[in-house]
Amino acid sequence: MKAIKDSVHGHVRLGPVAAELIDTPAFQRLRHVKQLSTVRLVYPSANHTRFEHSLGVYHLARQALDGLELDPDTAAHVRAAALLHDVGHGPYGHQTEGIIRRQTGRDHDDVDWLLSDADREICRVLERNGLDPERVAALIAGGEGVGALVSGELDVDRMDYLVRDAHHTGVPYGTVDTGRLVNELRLTDPPETALVLAEGNVATAESLLVARSLMNAVVYRHHVSRVAGAMLERACERYLDRTDATIEEFRRMADHDLLVALREHVPELGGRIERRDLYKRAVWVGLGDVPAGTVDAAHDEELAGEREIADRVGIDRESVIVDVPSRPGLKESASTVVVDGVPQRLEDASELVAGLRAAERRRWTLGVYCPADHVEAVSDAAADVLGLRTAGRPA
């Protein structure tokens, strides 16, 4: 059995199918897609990739499967799904997912297109080893109940990226006991098969929730990453508009391919991102200062707001970016824990969940970004256009 030394989990031992899958071009591409995209502009050491993260997810899935008593065929499909769960990511990962979703209707974990059409080599490896590519794709999307191990509230994907991102950024907040988490996972009996944490693990589930909430605040939603990510999204939209590149070609780029393309075709943003010469925050306001219609604005409404703000100020329409994040939420609060012999949602079993939800609401912020020279004028115009209760310029 082949072993790879990992910075987080130590030695990750690969079965023969995993060893073959890793050598496919689609998986090797993940070496060139950074796990934390624009967050690395804040934390310089956060240069780890989706390649090593995928190995970590595979490793944790193998550990979890040891205690779930699945038949060998199902276990083999789950291991393959865990390893391949990120092969559908575009360049810069989640930062380009919205663009890809709007143009294709698919998220990164919807990989039927990749396993059936775009990469026959992965299919050949799976089929040669008696595995069904369609079933693997369904498990990546969280199907069959046991697919929740790969994509669900208690999935090994989340466990790995929290500890890995904390390790590489140098912050301590993502530290969770992955060993206890994977060893305490159980599957409820059919027909409603579900993944749950065994009796006595409310605190274990809470630890995952706390880690995610703190990493959101300190790492994933850091304002510099938010600004850079919004600039990257607009740059990618302009790149697709200005060139003959198809969305299929775009989604299979590596990070460095995209950065070179943006520097060439969208220099007003691509060059800034490359040099970390980012726009400044003209508006940075919380949920209580934003009307519901703006909080729930669709993408085309964001773009319309940008144009109107720029027109009022009298600057180039492409110099203003409106960044409205999705409503705050904690998916992990819906995880299931056995309490007194009865499976319960964590939000019903834990008093901590309400406090963490309130913290997520307090941290939610709408941003409007522009070049430094126009911050004050854009702030005033944005408050009026977006119906904000305060201009909310950051200090």
Protein backbone atom coordinates (compact mmCIF):
# COMPACT_ATOMS: atom_id res chain seq x y z
CA MET A 1 0.00 0.00 0.00
CA LYS A 2 1.42 3.38 -1.06
CA ALA A 3 1.85 6.08 1.58
CA ILE A 4 2.13 9.86 1.18
CA LYS A 5 3.43 12.12 3.96
CA ASP A 6 0.90 14.81 4.77
CA SER A 7 1.58 17.92 6.84
CA VAL A 8 -1.64 17.51 8.84
CA HIS A 9 -2.44 13.79 9.14
CA GLY A 10 1.01 12.25 8.89
CA HIS A 11 1.16 9.28 6.55
CA VAL A 12 -1.89 8.90 4.27
CA ARG A 13 -2.04 5.34 3.00
CA LEU A 14 -3.53 4.86 -0.45
CA GLY A 15 -5.33 1.80 -1.72
CA PRO A 16 -4.63 0.70 -5.31
CA VAL A 17 -7.69 2.46 -6.75
CA ALA A 18 -6.75 5.75 -5.06
CA ALA A 19 -3.18 5.46 -6.33
CA GLU A 20 -4.48 5.12 -9.88
CA LEU A 21 -6.97 7.97 -9.56
CA ILE A 22 -4.32 10.35 -8.23
CA ASP A 23 -2.30 9.91 -11.42
CA THR A 24 -5.14 11.09 -13.69
CA PRO A 25 -4.80 14.58 -15.22
CA ALA A 26 -8.02 15.79 -13.57
CA PHE A 27 -6.68 14.97 -10.12
CA GLN A 28 -3.17 16.26 -10.80
CA ARG A 29 -4.73 19.58 -11.83
CA LEU A 30 -5.71 20.05 -8.17
CA ARG A 31 -2.03 20.64 -7.39
CA HIS A 32 -2.50 23.99 -9.13
CA VAL A 33 -5.73 25.10 -7.44
CA LYS A 34 -5.09 26.71 -4.07
CA GLN A 35 -7.37 25.72 -1.23
CA LEU A 36 -7.82 29.25 0.13
CA SER A 37 -7.82 31.31 -3.09
CA THR A 38 -7.68 35.02 -2.12
CA VAL A 39 -7.24 34.32 1.60
CA ARG A 40 -3.56 33.82 0.86
CA LEU A 41 -3.34 37.57 0.23
CA VAL A 42 -3.96 37.90 3.98
CA TYR A 43 -2.10 34.85 5.32
CA PRO A 44 1.08 34.40 3.24
CA SER A 45 1.68 30.80 4.30
CA ALA A 46 -1.77 29.65 3.17
CA ASN A 47 -0.51 28.19 -0.10
CA HIS A 48 -1.82 24.67 0.32
CA THR A 49 -3.81 23.12 -2.51
CA ARG A 50 -6.93 21.14 -3.17
CA PHE A 51 -4.67 18.21 -4.03
CA GLU A 52 -3.43 17.75 -0.47
CA HIS A 53 -6.87 18.57 0.94
CA SER A 54 -8.39 15.79 -1.18
CA LEU A 55 -5.84 13.34 0.19
CA GLY A 56 -6.82 14.42 3.70
CA VAL A 57 -10.52 13.90 3.00
CA TYR A 58 -9.78 10.44 1.63
CA HIS A 59 -7.74 9.65 4.75
CA LEU A 60 -10.51 10.71 7.14
CA ALA A 61 -13.13 8.88 5.08
CA ARG A 62 -11.13 5.66 5.35
CA GLN A 63 -10.95 6.08 9.12
CA ALA A 64 -14.69 6.75 9.36
CA LEU A 65 -15.56 3.78 7.15
CA ASP A 66 -13.72 1.45 9.53
CA GLY A 67 -16.52 2.00 12.05
CA LEU A 68 -19.57 2.20 9.77
CA GLU A 69 -19.83 -1.48 8.83
CA LEU A 70 -20.67 -0.92 5.17
CA ASP A 71 -20.48 -3.63 2.55
CA PRO A 72 -17.12 -3.63 0.71
CA ASP A 73 -18.58 -2.36 -2.58
CA THR A 74 -20.27 0.66 -0.98
CA ALA A 75 -17.16 1.44 1.05
CA ALA A 76 -15.03 1.37 -2.12
CA HIS A 77 -17.40 3.80 -3.85
CA VAL A 78 -17.35 6.15 -0.82
CA ARG A 79 -13.54 6.14 -0.72
CA ALA A 80 -13.41 7.07 -4.41
CA ALA A 81 -15.99 9.82 -3.88
CA ALA A 82 -14.00 11.26 -0.97
CA LEU A 83 -10.84 11.40 -3.04
CA LEU A 84 -12.55 12.92 -6.10
CA HIS A 85 -14.92 15.29 -4.31
CA ASP A 86 -13.08 18.45 -5.46
CA VAL A 87 -12.23 17.55 -9.08
CA GLY A 88 -15.13 19.73 -10.26
CA HIS A 89 -13.70 22.95 -8.80
CA GLY A 90 -12.83 25.77 -11.15
CA PRO A 91 -9.77 28.02 -10.76
CA TYR A 92 -9.60 29.79 -7.40
CA GLY A 93 -12.14 27.30 -6.06
CA HIS A 94 -15.23 28.84 -4.49
CA GLN A 95 -14.32 32.32 -5.74
CA THR A 96 -15.36 31.37 -9.29
CA GLU A 97 -18.15 28.97 -8.36
CA GLY A 98 -20.87 31.62 -8.70
CA ILE A 99 -19.81 32.40 -12.28
CA ILE A 100 -19.77 28.73 -13.23
CA ARG A 101 -23.14 28.13 -11.55
CA ARG A 102 -24.79 31.03 -13.37
CA GLN A 103 -23.56 29.80 -16.75
CA THR A 104 -23.92 26.03 -16.33
CA GLY A 105 -26.38 25.51 -13.48
CA ARG A 106 -23.84 23.26 -11.73
CA ASP A 107 -21.85 23.49 -8.51
CA HIS A 108 -18.40 22.00 -7.97
CA ASP A 109 -19.82 18.87 -6.35
CA ASP A 110 -22.10 18.17 -9.33
CA VAL A 111 -19.51 16.20 -11.32
CA ASP A 112 -21.62 14.02 -13.63
CA TRP A 113 -20.39 16.10 -16.57
CA LEU A 114 -16.77 15.53 -15.62
CA LEU A 115 -16.91 11.80 -14.97
CA SER A 116 -19.05 11.04 -18.02
CA ASP A 117 -17.76 13.43 -20.69
CA ALA A 118 -14.74 15.54 -19.86
CA ASP A 119 -12.41 12.99 -18.33
CA ARG A 120 -12.79 9.45 -19.59
CA GLU A 121 -9.54 8.51 -17.87
CA ILE A 122 -11.16 8.81 -14.43
CA CYS A 123 -14.06 6.73 -15.69
CA ARG A 124 -11.73 4.09 -17.07
CA VAL A 125 -9.90 3.81 -13.75
CA LEU A 126 -13.16 3.50 -11.84
CA GLU A 127 -14.70 0.98 -14.25
CA ARG A 128 -11.50 -1.06 -14.45
CA ASN A 129 -11.73 -1.47 -10.68
CA GLY A 130 -15.43 -2.40 -10.67
CA LEU A 131 -16.73 1.03 -9.61
CA ASP A 132 -19.66 2.87 -11.18
CA PRO A 133 -18.78 6.51 -12.10
CA GLU A 134 -22.42 7.59 -11.80
CA ARG A 135 -22.65 6.18 -8.30
CA VAL A 136 -19.41 7.91 -7.32
CA ALA A 137 -20.81 11.20 -8.66
CA ALA A 138 -24.02 10.69 -6.67
CA LEU A 139 -22.05 10.09 -3.47
CA ILE A 140 -19.99 13.26 -4.07
CA ALA A 141 -23.31 15.13 -4.17
CA GLY A 142 -24.30 13.58 -0.83
CA GLY A 143 -26.55 10.77 -2.06
CA GLU A 144 -27.45 7.34 -0.62
CA GLY A 145 -27.42 8.53 3.00
CA VAL A 146 -23.79 7.53 3.41
CA GLY A 147 -22.88 10.25 0.91
CA ALA A 148 -23.30 12.66 3.83
CA LEU A 149 -19.85 11.48 4.89
CA VAL A 150 -18.51 13.29 1.80
CA SER A 151 -21.05 16.12 1.52
CA GLY A 152 -23.21 16.79 4.58
CA GLU A 153 -23.33 18.50 7.94
CA LEU A 154 -20.80 16.08 9.47
CA ASP A 155 -18.68 15.46 6.40
CA VAL A 156 -14.96 14.70 6.39
CA ASP A 157 -14.47 17.48 3.83
CA ARG A 158 -15.28 20.08 6.50
CA MET A 159 -13.20 18.29 9.14
CA ASP A 160 -10.11 18.31 6.93
CA TYR A 161 -10.32 21.85 5.61
CA LEU A 162 -10.83 23.34 9.07
CA VAL A 163 -7.72 21.73 10.56
CA ARG A 164 -5.70 22.16 7.35
CA ASP A 165 -6.61 25.81 6.88
CA ALA A 166 -5.84 26.54 10.53
CA HIS A 167 -2.49 24.78 10.20
CA HIS A 168 -1.41 26.68 7.09
CA THR A 169 -2.71 30.11 8.11
CA GLY A 170 -1.19 29.75 11.57
CA VAL A 171 -4.42 30.52 13.42
CA PRO A 172 -5.57 28.13 16.17
CA TYR A 173 -9.33 28.43 15.74
CA GLY A 174 -9.95 25.57 13.30
CA THR A 175 -8.54 22.92 15.58
CA VAL A 176 -11.00 20.05 16.04
CA ASP A 177 -10.58 16.47 17.23
CA THR A 178 -10.94 14.71 13.89
CA GLY A 179 -10.09 11.37 15.47
CA ARG A 180 -13.05 11.46 17.84
CA LEU A 181 -15.36 12.88 15.17
CA VAL A 182 -14.72 10.11 12.62
CA ASN A 183 -14.72 7.37 15.27
CA GLU A 184 -18.08 8.47 16.70
CA LEU A 185 -19.96 8.62 13.38
CA ARG A 186 -22.81 6.16 12.94
CA LEU A 187 -25.40 5.36 10.27
CA THR A 188 -29.05 5.03 11.28
CA ASP A 189 -30.99 2.01 10.07
CA PRO A 190 -32.74 2.00 6.66
CA PRO A 191 -34.93 3.12 5.05
CA GLU A 192 -34.03 6.66 6.26
CA THR A 193 -30.29 6.11 6.48
CA ALA A 194 -28.59 9.16 7.98
CA LEU A 195 -25.17 10.00 9.36
CA VAL A 196 -25.22 10.86 13.07
CA LEU A 197 -22.83 11.26 15.99
CA ALA A 198 -23.16 8.59 18.65
CA GLU A 199 -24.50 9.13 22.18
CA GLY A 200 -22.47 11.52 24.33
CA ASN A 201 -21.14 13.71 21.53
CA VAL A 202 -23.06 16.98 21.77
CA ALA A 203 -19.84 18.76 22.76
CA THR A 204 -18.00 17.04 19.89
CA ALA A 205 -20.52 18.42 17.41
CA GLU A 206 -20.39 21.83 19.08
CA SER A 207 -16.62 21.92 18.63
CA LEU A 208 -17.03 21.63 14.86
CA LEU A 209 -19.59 24.41 14.89
CA VAL A 210 -17.41 26.72 17.00
CA ALA A 211 -14.37 26.07 14.81
CA ARG A 212 -16.31 26.90 11.65
CA SER A 213 -17.75 30.07 13.16
CA LEU A 214 -14.35 31.34 14.33
CA MET A 215 -12.65 30.47 11.03
CA ASN A 216 -15.41 32.35 9.20
CA ALA A 217 -14.68 35.44 11.26
CA VAL A 218 -10.89 35.34 11.21
CA VAL A 219 -10.00 33.62 7.92
CA TYR A 220 -12.71 32.89 5.38
CA ARG A 221 -14.49 36.25 5.52
CA HIS A 222 -11.53 38.51 6.22
CA HIS A 223 -12.27 41.84 4.55
CA VAL A 224 -9.12 41.77 2.38
CA SER A 225 -10.08 38.37 0.99
CA ARG A 226 -13.63 39.61 0.44
CA VAL A 227 -12.41 42.61 -1.57
CA ALA A 228 -9.97 40.53 -3.62
CA GLY A 229 -12.57 37.83 -4.21
CA ALA A 230 -15.13 40.35 -5.46
CA MET A 231 -12.54 41.89 -7.77
CA LEU A 232 -11.63 38.43 -9.06
CA GLU A 233 -15.26 37.59 -9.79
CA ARG A 234 -15.80 40.77 -11.79
CA ALA A 235 -12.50 40.25 -13.61
CA CYS A 236 -13.54 36.72 -14.60
CA GLU A 237 -16.90 37.94 -15.89
CA ARG A 238 -15.16 40.53 -18.06
CA TYR A 239 -12.64 37.94 -19.27
CA LEU A 240 -15.43 35.66 -20.49
CA ASP A 241 -17.18 38.63 -22.14
CA ARG A 242 -14.02 39.91 -23.86
CA THR A 243 -12.57 36.63 -25.16
CA ASP A 244 -13.66 33.51 -27.01
CA ALA A 245 -13.00 31.34 -23.97
CA THR A 246 -15.88 28.97 -23.22
CA ILE A 247 -17.14 28.27 -19.73
CA GLU A 248 -15.91 24.68 -20.16
CA GLU A 249 -12.39 25.92 -20.86
CA PHE A 250 -12.61 28.42 -18.02
CA ARG A 251 -13.71 25.90 -15.40
CA ARG A 252 -10.73 23.61 -16.16
CA MET A 253 -8.11 26.35 -15.79
CA ALA A 254 -5.57 26.27 -12.99
CA ASP A 255 -5.05 29.30 -10.77
CA HIS A 256 -1.92 30.46 -12.56
CA ASP A 257 -3.59 30.10 -15.99
CA LEU A 258 -6.42 32.36 -14.86
CA LEU A 259 -4.14 34.98 -13.33
CA VAL A 260 -2.10 35.24 -16.55
CA ALA A 261 -5.29 35.50 -18.63
CA LEU A 262 -6.73 38.22 -16.39
CA ARG A 263 -3.50 40.19 -16.45
CA GLU A 264 -3.63 40.15 -20.26
CA HIS A 265 -7.34 40.63 -20.95
CA VAL A 266 -8.61 42.45 -17.84
CA PRO A 267 -5.57 44.47 -16.76
CA GLU A 268 -7.60 47.00 -14.77
CA LEU A 269 -8.41 44.25 -12.25
CA GLY A 270 -6.09 41.34 -13.09
CA GLY A 271 -2.97 43.43 -12.62
CA ARG A 272 -4.27 44.82 -9.33
CA ILE A 273 -4.99 41.33 -7.98
CA GLU A 274 -1.55 40.10 -8.98
CA ARG A 275 0.15 43.06 -7.25
CA ARG A 276 -2.27 43.04 -4.29
CA ASP A 277 -3.21 46.60 -5.20
CA LEU A 278 -6.77 46.17 -4.08
CA TYR A 279 -9.82 48.42 -4.06
CA LYS A 280 -10.77 50.00 -0.74
CA ARG A 281 -13.96 49.63 1.22
CA ALA A 282 -16.30 52.55 0.59
CA VAL A 283 -19.14 50.81 2.47
CA TRP A 284 -18.94 48.11 5.14
CA VAL A 285 -22.26 47.75 6.98
CA GLY A 286 -24.03 45.11 9.01
CA LEU A 287 -27.33 43.35 8.52
CA GLY A 288 -29.29 45.84 10.61
CA ASP A 289 -28.40 48.72 8.28
CA VAL A 290 -29.38 46.98 5.03
CA PRO A 291 -32.98 46.68 3.76
CA ALA A 292 -34.24 43.15 3.08
CA GLY A 293 -34.51 43.79 -0.65
CA THR A 294 -30.80 44.60 -0.81
CA VAL A 295 -29.79 41.66 1.41
CA ASP A 296 -31.56 39.30 -1.00
CA ALA A 297 -30.42 41.07 -4.18
CA ALA A 298 -29.78 38.85 -7.20
CA HIS A 299 -26.54 39.09 -9.13
CA ASP A 300 -27.99 41.26 -11.88
CA GLU A 301 -29.28 43.65 -9.21
CA GLU A 302 -25.77 43.92 -7.75
CA LEU A 303 -24.45 44.83 -11.20
CA ALA A 304 -27.22 47.38 -11.72
CA GLY A 305 -26.40 48.94 -8.35
CA GLU A 306 -22.75 49.21 -9.32
CA ARG A 307 -23.62 51.04 -12.52
CA GLU A 308 -25.98 53.45 -10.78
CA ILE A 309 -23.50 54.27 -8.02
CA ALA A 310 -20.72 54.88 -10.57
CA ASP A 311 -23.00 57.09 -12.70
CA ARG A 312 -23.93 59.23 -9.69
CA VAL A 313 -20.29 59.73 -8.81
CA GLY A 314 -19.28 60.28 -12.43
CA ILE A 315 -16.64 57.55 -12.66
CA ASP A 316 -16.10 54.50 -14.85
CA ARG A 317 -18.89 51.98 -14.28
CA GLU A 318 -16.31 49.23 -13.87
CA SER A 319 -14.71 50.99 -10.90
CA VAL A 320 -17.42 50.10 -8.37
CA ILE A 321 -18.12 46.64 -6.96
CA VAL A 322 -21.12 45.78 -4.80
CA ASP A 323 -20.59 42.68 -2.67
CA VAL A 324 -23.71 41.27 -1.02
CA PRO A 325 -23.00 37.90 0.69
CA SER A 326 -25.67 35.30 1.22
CA ARG A 327 -27.69 35.48 4.42
CA PRO A 328 -25.79 34.25 7.49
CA GLY A 329 -26.19 30.64 8.47
CA LEU A 330 -24.41 27.65 10.02
CA LYS A 331 -25.07 24.47 8.08
CA GLU A 332 -23.46 22.39 10.82
CA SER A 333 -26.26 23.29 13.25
CA ALA A 334 -28.47 20.82 11.36
CA SER A 335 -26.14 17.90 12.13
CA THR A 336 -27.65 15.04 14.11
CA VAL A 337 -26.48 13.78 17.50
CA VAL A 338 -27.91 10.91 19.51
CA VAL A 339 -29.20 12.15 22.90
CA ASP A 340 -30.80 9.71 25.36
CA GLY A 341 -31.07 7.17 22.57
CA VAL A 342 -32.91 9.51 20.21
CA PRO A 343 -31.32 11.26 17.19
CA GLN A 344 -31.72 15.04 17.57
CA ARG A 345 -30.66 18.01 15.49
CA LEU A 346 -27.79 19.80 17.15
CA GLU A 347 -29.73 23.08 17.17
CA ASP A 348 -32.32 21.37 19.39
CA ALA A 349 -29.78 19.67 21.65
CA SER A 350 -27.36 22.54 22.18
CA GLU A 351 -27.88 25.96 23.75
CA LEU A 352 -24.65 27.08 22.09
CA VAL A 353 -26.15 27.09 18.59
CA ALA A 354 -28.38 30.13 19.20
CA GLY A 355 -25.41 32.19 20.35
CA LEU A 356 -23.29 31.19 17.37
CA ARG A 357 -26.12 32.03 14.99
CA ALA A 358 -26.42 35.45 16.58
CA ALA A 359 -22.67 35.94 16.17
CA GLU A 360 -22.92 35.04 12.47
CA ARG A 361 -25.68 37.61 12.03
CA ARG A 362 -23.59 40.29 13.75
CA ARG A 363 -20.61 39.53 11.52
CA TRP A 364 -22.55 39.69 8.26
CA THR A 365 -21.45 42.71 6.24
CA LEU A 366 -22.31 44.24 2.89
CA GLY A 367 -19.37 45.78 1.08
CA VAL A 368 -18.96 48.32 -1.69
CA TYR A 369 -15.44 48.67 -3.08
CA CYS A 370 -13.70 51.16 -5.36
CA PRO A 371 -10.30 52.80 -6.00
CA ALA A 372 -9.02 54.80 -3.02
CA ASP A 373 -9.53 58.19 -4.72
CA HIS A 374 -13.31 57.74 -4.88
CA VAL A 375 -14.09 56.17 -1.50
CA GLU A 376 -15.95 59.10 0.06
CA ALA A 377 -18.10 59.90 -2.98
CA VAL A 378 -18.90 56.22 -3.63
CA SER A 379 -19.83 55.75 0.03
CA ASP A 380 -22.41 58.52 -0.07
CA ALA A 381 -23.86 57.44 -3.41
CA ALA A 382 -24.03 53.77 -2.37
CA ALA A 383 -25.94 54.59 0.82
CA ASP A 384 -28.60 56.27 -1.27
CA VAL A 385 -28.74 53.73 -4.12
CA LEU A 386 -28.80 50.67 -1.86
CA GLY A 387 -31.12 52.19 0.75
CA LEU A 388 -28.61 51.85 3.56
CA ARG A 389 -29.37 53.39 6.94
CA THR A 390 -25.77 54.57 7.22
CA ALA A 391 -22.90 55.06 4.79
CA GLY A 392 -20.85 52.78 7.04
CA ARG A 393 -17.36 53.70 5.90
CA PRO A 394 -14.79 51.62 7.77
CA ALA A 395 -12.27 53.43 9.97
